[in-house]
Structures are given as structure tokens and as C-alpha cells.
Amino acid sequence: MENPFESGHIKNYILAYASVVVIMVLFFIASTLFNDIQEVEKKVFDTNSSKVDEAENFRKNIVEVNASRFKLMESRY
């Protein structure tokens, strides 16, 4: 096996490494140039309290239905 430093092949290895780095940089530049950044509209939530009250009443009804379905034991073990 030959030593690449003595035979002059080190230039080929350095050129191959540099070409890979240049290709990576070019792809990075191309991706930043052609990538259109879309502006996202800010969402505003309605703070209407009547809908919140309806949701709370619905939760209370579910709890009442579930409470009547199960019976706890009178003694613990």
C-alpha cells in the first residue's frame, strides 16, 4: 500500500473533499433562495362565555351519568 502523502494522491483526496463541501454549500444556498416563506395568519380565538358555560354543563351531565352507573363498596379491604 502506498502512502498518499508521498505518491501525490493527497491532492485528489483534498479535491474530492472540497468538491463535496462545495456541493453541500451550493445546495444550502439553493434551498434558501428558492424556499418561499409563507406568512401564517395569527389565529384569534373567540372568548364568548356562553359557549364555555354550555361545555361546563355538558361535562356535569356526563359526570352525573357516570356517577349513577357505578356503586362504591361500603367497606374497604
N, C-alpha and C. Protein backbone atom coordinates (compact mmCIF):
# COMPACT_ATOMS: atom_id res chain seq x y z
N MET A 1 0.85 -1.17 0.00
CA MET A 1 0.00 0.00 0.00
C MET A 1 0.90 1.24 0.00
N GLU A 2 0.56 2.16 -0.83
CA GLU A 2 1.39 3.36 -0.95
C GLU A 2 0.89 4.45 -0.01
N ASN A 3 1.82 5.25 0.43
CA ASN A 3 1.49 6.38 1.27
C ASN A 3 0.98 7.51 0.37
N PRO A 4 -0.26 8.00 0.60
CA PRO A 4 -0.79 9.04 -0.30
C PRO A 4 -0.02 10.35 -0.21
N PHE A 5 0.67 10.58 0.91
CA PHE A 5 1.43 11.82 1.03
C PHE A 5 2.68 11.78 0.15
N GLU A 6 3.24 10.62 0.00
CA GLU A 6 4.46 10.50 -0.79
C GLU A 6 4.17 10.37 -2.29
N SER A 7 3.05 9.71 -2.64
CA SER A 7 2.77 9.46 -4.05
C SER A 7 2.04 10.61 -4.74
N GLY A 8 1.60 11.59 -4.00
CA GLY A 8 0.93 12.74 -4.60
C GLY A 8 -0.58 12.57 -4.74
N HIS A 9 -1.14 11.49 -4.19
CA HIS A 9 -2.59 11.28 -4.27
C HIS A 9 -3.36 12.14 -3.27
N ILE A 10 -2.64 12.76 -2.36
CA ILE A 10 -3.33 13.57 -1.35
C ILE A 10 -4.08 14.72 -2.00
N LYS A 11 -3.58 15.22 -3.14
CA LYS A 11 -4.30 16.29 -3.85
C LYS A 11 -5.67 15.81 -4.30
N ASN A 12 -5.75 14.57 -4.74
CA ASN A 12 -7.04 14.02 -5.18
C ASN A 12 -8.02 13.91 -4.01
N TYR A 13 -7.50 13.48 -2.85
CA TYR A 13 -8.38 13.36 -1.68
C TYR A 13 -8.87 14.73 -1.23
N ILE A 14 -7.99 15.70 -1.24
CA ILE A 14 -8.37 17.06 -0.82
C ILE A 14 -9.37 17.65 -1.82
N LEU A 15 -9.15 17.43 -3.10
CA LEU A 15 -10.09 17.93 -4.11
C LEU A 15 -11.46 17.25 -3.99
N ALA A 16 -11.47 15.97 -3.71
CA ALA A 16 -12.74 15.26 -3.54
C ALA A 16 -13.49 15.81 -2.32
N TYR A 17 -12.76 16.00 -1.21
CA TYR A 17 -13.38 16.55 -0.01
C TYR A 17 -13.89 17.97 -0.27
N ALA A 18 -13.10 18.79 -0.93
CA ALA A 18 -13.51 20.17 -1.21
C ALA A 18 -14.71 20.20 -2.15
N SER A 19 -14.75 19.30 -3.11
CA SER A 19 -15.90 19.28 -4.03
C SER A 19 -17.18 18.89 -3.30
N VAL A 20 -17.09 17.97 -2.35
CA VAL A 20 -18.28 17.60 -1.56
C VAL A 20 -18.74 18.79 -0.74
N VAL A 21 -17.81 19.51 -0.13
CA VAL A 21 -18.18 20.68 0.68
C VAL A 21 -18.80 21.76 -0.20
N VAL A 22 -18.26 21.98 -1.38
CA VAL A 22 -18.80 23.00 -2.30
C VAL A 22 -20.21 22.61 -2.73
N ILE A 23 -20.43 21.33 -3.02
CA ILE A 23 -21.77 20.89 -3.41
C ILE A 23 -22.76 21.08 -2.27
N MET A 24 -22.33 20.78 -1.04
CA MET A 24 -23.22 20.99 0.11
C MET A 24 -23.56 22.46 0.27
N VAL A 25 -22.58 23.34 0.11
CA VAL A 25 -22.83 24.78 0.23
C VAL A 25 -23.77 25.25 -0.87
N LEU A 26 -23.58 24.76 -2.09
CA LEU A 26 -24.46 25.16 -3.19
C LEU A 26 -25.90 24.70 -2.95
N PHE A 27 -26.08 23.47 -2.44
CA PHE A 27 -27.43 23.01 -2.13
C PHE A 27 -28.06 23.84 -1.03
N PHE A 28 -27.26 24.24 -0.04
CA PHE A 28 -27.79 25.08 1.04
C PHE A 28 -28.23 26.44 0.50
N ILE A 29 -27.41 27.03 -0.34
CA ILE A 29 -27.76 28.34 -0.92
C ILE A 29 -29.00 28.22 -1.80
N ALA A 30 -29.07 27.15 -2.60
CA ALA A 30 -30.23 26.96 -3.47
C ALA A 30 -31.49 26.75 -2.66
N SER A 31 -31.40 26.03 -1.55
CA SER A 31 -32.59 25.79 -0.75
C SER A 31 -33.07 27.05 -0.06
N THR A 32 -32.14 27.94 0.32
CA THR A 32 -32.57 29.19 0.95
C THR A 32 -33.10 30.18 -0.07
N LEU A 33 -32.60 30.16 -1.29
CA LEU A 33 -33.08 31.10 -2.30
C LEU A 33 -34.46 30.74 -2.82
N PHE A 34 -34.69 29.45 -3.07
CA PHE A 34 -35.93 29.02 -3.69
C PHE A 34 -37.00 28.63 -2.70
N ASN A 35 -36.71 28.71 -1.42
CA ASN A 35 -37.71 28.37 -0.41
C ASN A 35 -38.54 29.60 -0.09
N ASP A 36 -39.80 29.59 -0.51
CA ASP A 36 -40.69 30.72 -0.24
C ASP A 36 -41.28 30.57 1.15
N ILE A 37 -41.03 31.54 1.99
CA ILE A 37 -41.55 31.51 3.34
C ILE A 37 -42.94 32.13 3.33
N GLN A 38 -43.92 31.35 3.75
CA GLN A 38 -45.29 31.84 3.77
C GLN A 38 -45.59 32.43 5.15
N GLU A 39 -46.26 33.56 5.13
CA GLU A 39 -46.64 34.17 6.38
C GLU A 39 -47.92 33.51 6.87
N VAL A 40 -47.92 33.11 8.12
CA VAL A 40 -49.06 32.42 8.70
C VAL A 40 -49.90 33.46 9.44
N GLU A 41 -51.21 33.42 9.17
CA GLU A 41 -52.10 34.36 9.83
C GLU A 41 -52.26 33.97 11.30
N LYS A 42 -52.29 34.97 12.15
CA LYS A 42 -52.44 34.72 13.57
C LYS A 42 -53.89 34.37 13.85
N LYS A 43 -54.08 33.27 14.58
CA LYS A 43 -55.44 32.84 14.89
C LYS A 43 -55.93 33.55 16.14
N VAL A 44 -57.15 34.02 16.07
CA VAL A 44 -57.77 34.70 17.20
C VAL A 44 -58.94 33.85 17.66
N PHE A 45 -58.93 33.49 18.92
CA PHE A 45 -59.97 32.64 19.45
C PHE A 45 -61.08 33.48 20.06
N ASP A 46 -62.29 33.05 19.83
CA ASP A 46 -63.44 33.74 20.37
C ASP A 46 -63.56 33.42 21.85
N THR A 47 -63.71 34.46 22.64
CA THR A 47 -63.80 34.27 24.09
C THR A 47 -65.23 34.44 24.57
N ASN A 48 -66.17 33.95 23.78
CA ASN A 48 -67.58 34.05 24.15
C ASN A 48 -67.85 33.11 25.31
N SER A 49 -68.38 33.65 26.41
CA SER A 49 -68.54 32.84 27.62
C SER A 49 -69.77 31.94 27.56
N SER A 50 -70.72 32.19 26.68
CA SER A 50 -71.91 31.34 26.61
C SER A 50 -71.55 29.94 26.14
N LYS A 51 -70.62 29.83 25.22
CA LYS A 51 -70.20 28.51 24.76
C LYS A 51 -69.44 27.78 25.85
N VAL A 52 -68.68 28.51 26.65
CA VAL A 52 -67.94 27.90 27.75
C VAL A 52 -68.92 27.34 28.77
N ASP A 53 -70.01 28.07 29.08
CA ASP A 53 -70.99 27.60 30.03
C ASP A 53 -71.68 26.34 29.53
N GLU A 54 -71.96 26.27 28.24
CA GLU A 54 -72.58 25.07 27.67
C GLU A 54 -71.65 23.88 27.80
N ALA A 55 -70.37 24.08 27.60
CA ALA A 55 -69.41 22.98 27.71
C ALA A 55 -69.31 22.50 29.15
N GLU A 56 -69.36 23.43 30.11
CA GLU A 56 -69.31 23.03 31.53
C GLU A 56 -70.56 22.25 31.91
N ASN A 57 -71.72 22.67 31.43
CA ASN A 57 -72.95 21.94 31.72
C ASN A 57 -72.90 20.54 31.11
N PHE A 58 -72.35 20.41 29.94
CA PHE A 58 -72.24 19.12 29.29
C PHE A 58 -71.34 18.19 30.10
N ARG A 59 -70.23 18.72 30.63
CA ARG A 59 -69.31 17.92 31.45
C ARG A 59 -70.01 17.47 32.74
N LYS A 60 -70.79 18.36 33.34
CA LYS A 60 -71.50 18.00 34.58
C LYS A 60 -72.51 16.88 34.31
N ASN A 61 -73.19 16.94 33.18
CA ASN A 61 -74.14 15.88 32.83
C ASN A 61 -73.43 14.55 32.64
N ILE A 62 -72.27 14.56 32.03
CA ILE A 62 -71.52 13.31 31.84
C ILE A 62 -71.09 12.75 33.18
N VAL A 63 -70.64 13.60 34.10
CA VAL A 63 -70.22 13.14 35.42
C VAL A 63 -71.40 12.54 36.16
N GLU A 64 -72.57 13.16 36.07
CA GLU A 64 -73.76 12.64 36.75
C GLU A 64 -74.16 11.28 36.20
N VAL A 65 -74.09 11.10 34.89
CA VAL A 65 -74.44 9.82 34.29
C VAL A 65 -73.46 8.75 34.73
N ASN A 66 -72.17 9.07 34.74
CA ASN A 66 -71.17 8.09 35.14
C ASN A 66 -71.27 7.77 36.63
N ALA A 67 -71.64 8.74 37.45
CA ALA A 67 -71.73 8.51 38.89
C ALA A 67 -72.88 7.56 39.20
N SER A 68 -73.98 7.65 38.48
CA SER A 68 -75.11 6.77 38.77
C SER A 68 -74.89 5.36 38.25
N ARG A 69 -73.95 5.16 37.37
CA ARG A 69 -73.72 3.87 36.77
C ARG A 69 -72.92 2.94 37.70
N PHE A 70 -72.06 3.51 38.55
CA PHE A 70 -71.19 2.71 39.41
C PHE A 70 -71.57 2.92 40.87
N LYS A 71 -71.41 1.86 41.65
CA LYS A 71 -71.69 1.95 43.08
C LYS A 71 -70.43 1.55 43.83
N LEU A 72 -70.04 2.35 44.81
CA LEU A 72 -68.85 2.06 45.58
C LEU A 72 -69.17 1.03 46.65
N MET A 73 -68.14 0.30 47.03
CA MET A 73 -68.32 -0.69 48.09
C MET A 73 -68.42 0.02 49.43
N GLU A 74 -69.15 -0.55 50.34
CA GLU A 74 -69.36 0.10 51.64
C GLU A 74 -68.19 -0.12 52.59
N SER A 75 -67.44 -1.18 52.40
CA SER A 75 -66.30 -1.42 53.29
C SER A 75 -65.04 -1.59 52.45
N ARG A 76 -63.92 -1.22 53.06
CA ARG A 76 -62.65 -1.36 52.36
C ARG A 76 -61.96 -2.63 52.82
N TYR A 77 -61.12 -3.17 51.97
CA TYR A 77 -60.38 -4.38 52.35
C TYR A 77 -58.91 -4.09 52.37
